[in-house]
Amino acid sequence: MAEIRSRFSPRRALMPILGLLDRSSTAPCQRPEPAEDGTRFPDFSWDLRTIILLLPPEVPLRFMNLNLLLGLTGAPFDRSEALGDLDPHDAFDLQFCLEGRGRAVSYKCYHSIARELSYRPGVVEFRLGERLRFDGAWPAYEIRYRQPEAQLSLSLHLDSWQGFHWWAKAPRFYSHYTSFGRCRMEWQWESEGGVLELPALHDHGWGKNLLPLRVPLKIFRYEVLRVPSRTEKADGLAISLWTEGPLGMKLKQSGLLRRDPEQSQITTRYECRVLEWEIFDNYAGAPCRVPRRWLGRQIASGARFEYEAQRSTEPRALLGDGFLCGFDYQGVWRGAAAEKLEGEGYSEQMGFLLR
């Protein structure tokens, strides 16, 4: 009996399903079909879009996260008790964070889909009063966000590159893609403002509500690093993801380096070792351990990327059990020749609750 237990692996038992959910190695540049780019709610329980920007060091901004969620995913990030008198099945969760160098502005609020949000199923078109406008069609999107109480106004024009990475595709259960692209950003924050051209990430996911399954993630860690490009002045991005379910079941530990539209390097394994921790309260007010300094490693075929990172901003508790934060890193890409890489990054992760 002991021998049978030692051979059992939750990941091995679920390999057929996990193989569907991780297609980064088999379909790294697959473009979505037009119907896959549109809004999938209410046919699916939730539909999620996220825009992530990393700003260059010469401007007074560090990173931006704009997150639009129609419906609830059932993940620990969403707390039904925070909805007040709204129906959890009729909620639009708008999350925004713009981290400056020395200041930040954020927004986290649920809105009624029926009473406050204007959207059209099957297309990309969202209107939330004067606060948000998000519309377009692959590969271009126009986004306008205003936060009058913070004297903030943003206008974004996002053009996704033609190649795609990290398709997760189980059509009746869960689908998600990540696209790289360029963004033209006009911004005004109090007395400061300007126009920027910078790399961007656009995520789109949709699927069934997993809340009845009661299977929360044990670990969720997503990092985005700004890296220098070899072929053009504008920088590129590296991303890494570590997700782990109950019983130590590793769902995904991989990454990708994309320095320009024509060059990408898939890393088949991502490892992270925390060197120092700090304690912060999460969105629900519970104390959590949050990494302050850590070592990261992305391993690819014939190459690896190793770096040391240190948190450089206060963790923003906008995700329930999770946090957003910025960090600085120094590392080396070891391929045919060693190359030093350093810069700034962005992380979103679940906090580790103190028991």
Protein backbone atom coordinates (compact mmCIF):
# COMPACT_ATOMS: atom_id res chain seq x y z
CA MET A 1 0.00 0.00 0.00
CA ALA A 2 2.85 2.38 0.86
CA GLU A 3 4.39 1.77 -2.58
CA ILE A 4 1.10 2.59 -4.31
CA ARG A 5 0.75 5.84 -2.35
CA SER A 6 4.30 6.87 -3.18
CA ARG A 7 3.61 6.53 -6.88
CA PHE A 8 0.41 8.57 -6.81
CA SER A 9 0.77 12.09 -8.13
CA PRO A 10 -2.17 14.51 -8.45
CA ARG A 11 -0.43 16.13 -11.41
CA ARG A 12 0.13 12.75 -13.12
CA ALA A 13 -3.55 11.86 -12.62
CA LEU A 14 -4.62 15.15 -14.22
CA MET A 15 -2.02 15.23 -17.01
CA PRO A 16 -4.62 14.92 -19.83
CA ILE A 17 -6.46 18.02 -18.52
CA LEU A 18 -3.27 19.96 -17.74
CA GLY A 19 -2.01 19.22 -21.23
CA LEU A 20 -5.00 21.08 -22.62
CA LEU A 21 -4.50 24.03 -20.30
CA ASP A 22 -0.81 24.58 -21.12
CA ARG A 23 -0.17 24.92 -24.85
CA SER A 24 2.77 27.31 -24.57
CA SER A 25 5.17 24.77 -26.03
CA THR A 26 2.93 23.47 -28.84
CA ALA A 27 1.12 26.61 -30.05
CA PRO A 28 3.37 29.55 -29.14
CA CYS A 29 2.27 31.90 -31.93
CA GLN A 30 -1.36 31.00 -32.52
CA ARG A 31 -3.61 33.97 -33.24
CA PRO A 32 -7.13 33.94 -31.79
CA GLU A 33 -10.06 33.72 -34.12
CA PRO A 34 -12.24 36.86 -34.30
CA ALA A 35 -14.92 35.19 -32.18
CA GLU A 36 -12.32 34.35 -29.55
CA ASP A 37 -11.36 38.00 -29.23
CA GLY A 38 -14.90 39.09 -28.38
CA THR A 39 -16.70 39.11 -25.05
CA ARG A 40 -17.72 35.59 -23.98
CA PHE A 41 -20.00 36.61 -21.10
CA PRO A 42 -22.81 35.56 -20.37
CA ASP A 43 -22.25 32.32 -22.36
CA PHE A 44 -19.44 31.66 -19.88
CA SER A 45 -19.58 32.54 -16.19
CA TRP A 46 -16.72 35.02 -16.40
CA ASP A 47 -14.82 37.04 -18.98
CA LEU A 48 -11.58 38.74 -18.00
CA ARG A 49 -9.35 41.32 -19.71
CA THR A 50 -6.14 42.73 -18.28
CA ILE A 51 -3.74 45.37 -19.57
CA ILE A 52 -0.26 45.53 -18.01
CA LEU A 53 2.25 48.30 -18.73
CA LEU A 54 5.78 48.76 -17.40
CA LEU A 55 6.91 52.36 -17.68
CA PRO A 56 10.51 53.43 -18.47
CA PRO A 57 12.70 54.73 -15.61
CA GLU A 58 12.94 58.25 -17.06
CA VAL A 59 9.23 59.00 -16.35
CA PRO A 60 7.58 59.40 -12.90
CA LEU A 61 5.53 56.18 -13.34
CA ARG A 62 6.41 52.51 -12.73
CA PHE A 63 3.58 50.20 -13.77
CA MET A 64 -0.12 50.09 -14.60
CA ASN A 65 -2.65 47.28 -14.17
CA LEU A 66 -6.16 47.61 -15.60
CA ASN A 67 -8.36 44.59 -14.89
CA LEU A 68 -11.95 44.10 -16.14
CA LEU A 69 -13.93 41.10 -14.92
CA LEU A 70 -17.51 40.29 -15.93
CA GLY A 71 -18.85 37.67 -13.55
CA LEU A 72 -16.93 36.03 -10.71
CA THR A 73 -14.22 33.41 -11.15
CA GLY A 74 -14.64 31.76 -7.76
CA ALA A 75 -10.95 32.40 -7.00
CA PRO A 76 -10.02 33.63 -3.50
CA PHE A 77 -9.45 37.10 -5.00
CA ASP A 78 -13.22 37.66 -5.16
CA ARG A 79 -15.24 38.08 -1.96
CA SER A 80 -19.00 37.87 -2.42
CA GLU A 81 -19.60 39.67 0.89
CA ALA A 82 -17.94 42.78 -0.58
CA LEU A 83 -20.66 43.11 -3.21
CA GLY A 84 -23.21 44.67 -0.87
CA ASP A 85 -26.69 44.52 -2.40
CA LEU A 86 -25.41 43.45 -5.83
CA ASP A 87 -26.07 39.99 -7.18
CA PRO A 88 -22.69 38.18 -7.45
CA HIS A 89 -23.81 36.89 -10.86
CA ASP A 90 -24.51 40.45 -12.00
CA ALA A 91 -21.21 42.11 -11.06
CA PHE A 92 -18.52 43.89 -13.04
CA ASP A 93 -15.27 44.05 -11.07
CA LEU A 94 -13.08 47.00 -12.12
CA GLN A 95 -9.56 46.99 -10.73
CA PHE A 96 -6.98 49.66 -11.51
CA CYS A 97 -3.53 50.49 -10.16
CA LEU A 98 -1.06 53.09 -11.41
CA GLU A 99 2.16 53.04 -9.43
CA GLY A 100 4.24 56.20 -9.53
CA ARG A 101 7.67 56.88 -8.14
CA GLY A 102 6.69 58.01 -4.67
CA ARG A 103 2.89 57.89 -5.04
CA ALA A 104 0.16 55.61 -6.35
CA VAL A 105 -3.51 55.66 -7.31
CA SER A 106 -5.81 52.65 -7.25
CA TYR A 107 -9.45 51.68 -7.70
CA LYS A 108 -11.30 48.51 -6.73
CA CYS A 109 -15.08 48.39 -7.01
CA TYR A 110 -17.87 46.08 -8.14
CA HIS A 111 -20.57 47.52 -10.42
CA SER A 112 -23.91 46.18 -11.61
CA ILE A 113 -23.74 44.85 -15.15
CA ALA A 114 -27.45 45.54 -15.59
CA ARG A 115 -27.58 49.03 -14.08
CA GLU A 116 -24.14 50.62 -14.51
CA LEU A 117 -22.21 48.91 -17.29
CA SER A 118 -22.89 49.13 -21.01
CA TYR A 119 -21.48 46.18 -22.96
CA ARG A 120 -22.35 44.04 -25.96
CA PRO A 121 -21.81 40.25 -25.92
CA GLY A 122 -19.61 38.97 -28.72
CA VAL A 123 -17.68 42.22 -29.24
CA VAL A 124 -15.19 44.28 -27.23
CA GLU A 125 -17.15 47.30 -26.04
CA PHE A 126 -17.40 48.43 -22.43
CA ARG A 127 -18.71 51.72 -21.03
CA LEU A 128 -18.81 52.59 -17.33
CA GLY A 129 -20.03 56.17 -17.17
CA GLU A 130 -17.18 58.65 -17.64
CA ARG A 131 -14.73 56.37 -15.83
CA LEU A 132 -14.03 53.69 -18.43
CA ARG A 133 -14.26 53.15 -22.18
CA PHE A 134 -12.70 49.99 -23.62
CA ASP A 135 -13.43 48.91 -27.18
CA GLY A 136 -11.88 47.67 -30.42
CA ALA A 137 -11.18 44.47 -32.30
CA TRP A 138 -8.07 42.39 -32.80
CA PRO A 139 -5.39 43.62 -33.03
CA ALA A 140 -6.14 47.22 -31.91
CA TYR A 141 -7.96 48.57 -28.86
CA GLU A 142 -8.84 52.06 -27.64
CA ILE A 143 -9.00 52.52 -23.88
CA ARG A 144 -9.85 55.57 -21.84
CA TYR A 145 -9.77 55.60 -18.06
CA ARG A 146 -10.57 58.51 -15.74
CA GLN A 147 -10.39 58.78 -11.97
CA PRO A 148 -11.59 62.32 -11.19
CA GLU A 149 -11.07 61.98 -7.44
CA ALA A 150 -7.34 61.48 -8.15
CA GLN A 151 -7.19 64.06 -10.99
CA LEU A 152 -6.13 61.22 -13.32
CA SER A 153 -6.88 60.77 -17.02
CA LEU A 154 -5.42 58.12 -19.37
CA SER A 155 -5.90 57.43 -23.08
CA LEU A 156 -4.37 54.22 -24.48
CA HIS A 157 -4.07 52.92 -28.02
CA LEU A 158 -2.96 49.27 -27.90
CA ASP A 159 -1.69 47.34 -30.94
CA SER A 160 -1.06 43.65 -30.33
CA TRP A 161 1.75 41.94 -32.19
CA GLN A 162 0.70 39.22 -34.60
CA GLY A 163 2.20 36.31 -32.65
CA PHE A 164 0.69 34.89 -29.48
CA HIS A 165 2.08 32.96 -26.55
CA TRP A 166 0.68 30.98 -23.68
CA TRP A 167 -2.58 29.75 -25.10
CA ALA A 168 -4.59 27.78 -22.55
CA LYS A 169 -7.48 26.25 -24.43
CA ALA A 170 -10.13 23.89 -23.14
CA PRO A 171 -13.10 25.44 -24.99
CA ARG A 172 -15.92 24.29 -22.71
CA PHE A 173 -14.02 24.79 -19.46
CA TYR A 174 -11.28 27.45 -19.49
CA SER A 175 -9.52 29.49 -22.20
CA HIS A 176 -6.90 32.20 -21.95
CA TYR A 177 -4.34 33.89 -24.16
CA THR A 178 -1.61 36.45 -23.59
CA SER A 179 -0.54 38.83 -26.35
CA PHE A 180 2.43 41.16 -26.53
CA GLY A 181 2.17 44.53 -28.19
CA ARG A 182 2.86 48.26 -28.22
CA CYS A 183 0.90 50.98 -26.48
CA ARG A 184 0.67 54.70 -27.04
CA MET A 185 -0.27 56.27 -23.73
CA GLU A 186 -1.37 59.85 -23.09
CA TRP A 187 -1.53 60.58 -19.38
CA GLN A 188 -2.38 63.46 -17.05
CA TRP A 189 -2.02 63.06 -13.29
CA GLU A 190 -2.58 66.26 -11.35
CA SER A 191 0.01 68.72 -12.71
CA GLU A 192 2.10 66.13 -14.59
CA GLY A 193 1.48 64.48 -17.95
CA GLY A 194 2.93 63.35 -21.24
CA VAL A 195 2.84 60.90 -24.15
CA LEU A 196 4.67 57.55 -24.13
CA GLU A 197 5.30 54.62 -26.49
CA LEU A 198 5.99 51.42 -24.58
CA PRO A 199 5.61 47.61 -24.58
CA ALA A 200 2.36 46.16 -23.27
CA LEU A 201 0.63 42.91 -22.35
CA HIS A 202 -3.01 42.14 -23.09
CA ASP A 203 -4.61 39.10 -21.42
CA HIS A 204 -8.05 37.72 -22.26
CA GLY A 205 -9.59 34.78 -20.44
CA TRP A 206 -13.04 33.21 -20.08
CA GLY A 207 -14.53 30.06 -18.63
CA LYS A 208 -16.83 28.31 -16.20
CA ASN A 209 -17.29 29.34 -12.58
CA LEU A 210 -15.16 27.06 -10.40
CA LEU A 211 -16.57 28.21 -7.08
CA PRO A 212 -18.67 25.04 -6.51
CA LEU A 213 -15.52 22.93 -6.87
CA ARG A 214 -13.85 24.63 -3.88
CA VAL A 215 -10.39 24.17 -5.39
CA PRO A 216 -8.47 27.38 -4.64
CA LEU A 217 -4.90 27.89 -5.79
CA LYS A 218 -2.24 27.38 -3.15
CA ILE A 219 0.33 29.46 -5.07
CA PHE A 220 -0.18 32.05 -7.76
CA ARG A 221 2.80 34.17 -8.81
CA TYR A 222 2.94 36.15 -12.06
CA GLU A 223 5.93 38.33 -12.93
CA VAL A 224 6.55 40.72 -15.82
CA LEU A 225 10.06 42.09 -16.39
CA ARG A 226 11.08 44.91 -18.69
CA VAL A 227 14.14 43.75 -20.70
CA PRO A 228 16.29 45.53 -23.32
CA SER A 229 15.71 44.71 -26.97
CA ARG A 230 18.57 43.67 -29.25
CA THR A 231 17.02 45.00 -32.46
CA GLU A 232 15.21 48.25 -31.60
CA LYS A 233 15.33 51.04 -29.07
CA ALA A 234 12.10 50.05 -27.37
CA ASP A 235 12.37 47.41 -24.65
CA GLY A 236 10.71 44.02 -24.59
CA LEU A 237 9.10 41.94 -21.85
CA ALA A 238 9.73 38.69 -20.03
CA ILE A 239 6.93 36.90 -18.20
CA SER A 240 6.91 34.02 -15.74
CA LEU A 241 4.07 32.14 -14.05
CA TRP A 242 4.00 29.74 -11.11
CA THR A 243 0.63 28.24 -10.16
CA GLU A 244 0.14 25.40 -7.71
CA GLY A 245 -3.01 23.71 -6.48
CA PRO A 246 -3.78 21.69 -3.36
CA LEU A 247 -1.44 18.88 -2.27
CA GLY A 248 1.52 20.53 -4.02
CA MET A 249 0.04 19.95 -7.48
CA LYS A 250 2.12 22.14 -9.81
CA LEU A 251 -0.11 23.46 -12.59
CA LYS A 252 2.31 25.72 -14.46
CA GLN A 253 5.90 26.81 -13.90
CA SER A 254 7.11 28.35 -17.13
CA GLY A 255 8.00 31.65 -18.75
CA LEU A 256 8.72 33.51 -21.94
CA LEU A 257 11.11 36.19 -23.14
CA ARG A 258 9.95 38.41 -26.01
CA ARG A 259 12.26 41.29 -26.85
CA ASP A 260 10.66 42.41 -30.14
CA PRO A 261 7.90 41.25 -32.53
CA GLU A 262 10.15 38.72 -34.28
CA GLN A 263 12.06 37.19 -31.38
CA SER A 264 10.75 35.02 -28.56
CA GLN A 265 12.23 32.37 -26.28
CA ILE A 266 9.99 29.99 -24.37
CA THR A 267 11.31 28.88 -21.00
CA THR A 268 10.05 25.48 -19.94
CA ARG A 269 10.50 25.93 -16.21
CA TYR A 270 10.33 28.84 -13.77
CA GLU A 271 11.73 28.60 -10.25
CA CYS A 272 11.54 31.11 -7.41
CA ARG A 273 13.24 31.07 -4.00
CA VAL A 274 12.27 33.73 -1.48
CA LEU A 275 15.16 35.19 0.52
CA GLU A 276 13.26 37.64 2.73
CA TRP A 277 9.61 38.02 3.74
CA GLU A 278 7.49 40.88 5.11
CA ILE A 279 4.01 40.99 6.65
CA PHE A 280 1.14 43.00 5.12
CA ASP A 281 -2.65 42.86 5.46
CA ASN A 282 -4.52 41.62 2.42
CA TYR A 283 -7.74 43.12 0.98
CA ALA A 284 -9.77 41.27 3.62
CA GLY A 285 -7.59 42.63 6.45
CA ALA A 286 -5.81 39.33 7.21
CA PRO A 287 -2.01 39.40 7.71
CA CYS A 288 -0.01 37.67 4.96
CA ARG A 289 3.64 36.96 4.21
CA VAL A 290 4.79 38.80 1.09
CA PRO A 291 8.25 38.35 -0.54
CA ARG A 292 10.66 41.26 -0.12
CA ARG A 293 13.66 39.74 -1.91
CA TRP A 294 13.88 36.61 -4.06
CA LEU A 295 15.84 34.65 -6.67
CA GLY A 296 14.20 33.80 -9.98
CA ARG A 297 15.30 31.34 -12.65
CA GLN A 298 13.81 30.62 -16.07
CA ILE A 299 15.18 27.51 -17.80
CA ALA A 300 14.98 27.08 -21.57
CA SER A 301 16.45 24.65 -24.08
CA GLY A 302 20.18 25.43 -24.07
CA ALA A 303 19.75 28.63 -22.03
CA ARG A 304 18.65 30.01 -18.70
CA PHE A 305 17.84 33.38 -17.17
CA GLU A 306 18.80 33.93 -13.53
CA TYR A 307 18.11 37.08 -11.56
CA GLU A 308 17.81 38.51 -8.07
CA ALA A 309 14.86 40.81 -7.38
CA GLN A 310 13.83 43.12 -4.57
CA ARG A 311 10.45 44.66 -4.01
CA SER A 312 10.59 48.43 -4.63
CA THR A 313 6.99 49.53 -4.00
CA GLU A 314 4.44 48.95 -1.29
CA PRO A 315 2.30 45.86 -1.99
CA ARG A 316 -1.15 46.99 -3.17
CA ALA A 317 -3.80 44.74 -1.63
CA LEU A 318 -6.35 44.84 -4.46
CA LEU A 319 -6.84 41.12 -5.05
CA GLY A 320 -8.41 39.75 -1.86
CA ASP A 321 -5.67 37.31 -0.84
CA GLY A 322 -3.33 38.82 -3.44
CA PHE A 323 -1.03 41.80 -3.94
CA LEU A 324 0.42 43.91 -6.76
CA CYS A 325 3.91 45.36 -6.42
CA GLY A 326 6.92 46.62 -8.37
CA PHE A 327 10.50 45.39 -8.07
CA ASP A 328 14.04 45.96 -9.31
CA TYR A 329 16.12 43.07 -10.68
CA GLN A 330 19.64 42.22 -11.82
CA GLY A 331 20.39 39.04 -13.72
CA VAL A 332 22.20 37.17 -16.46
CA TRP A 333 20.86 35.46 -19.58
CA ARG A 334 23.11 32.44 -20.17
CA GLY A 335 22.79 31.18 -23.72
CA ALA A 336 25.40 30.97 -26.47
CA ALA A 337 27.01 33.89 -24.63
CA ALA A 338 26.29 35.45 -21.25
CA GLU A 339 24.39 38.74 -21.28
CA LYS A 340 23.58 40.91 -18.28
CA LEU A 341 19.95 42.01 -17.96
CA GLU A 342 18.64 44.42 -15.36
CA GLY A 343 15.72 46.74 -14.88
CA GLU A 344 12.30 46.90 -13.28
CA GLY A 345 9.41 44.50 -13.05
CA TYR A 346 5.85 43.97 -11.88
CA SER A 347 4.43 41.11 -9.83
CA GLU A 348 1.00 39.92 -8.80
CA GLN A 349 0.75 37.10 -6.32
CA MET A 350 -1.28 35.50 -3.60
CA GLY A 351 -0.20 36.27 -0.05
CA PHE A 352 0.58 33.45 2.35
CA LEU A 353 -1.89 33.73 5.22
CA LEU A 354 -0.47 33.59 8.72
CA ARG A 355 -2.07 30.83 10.75
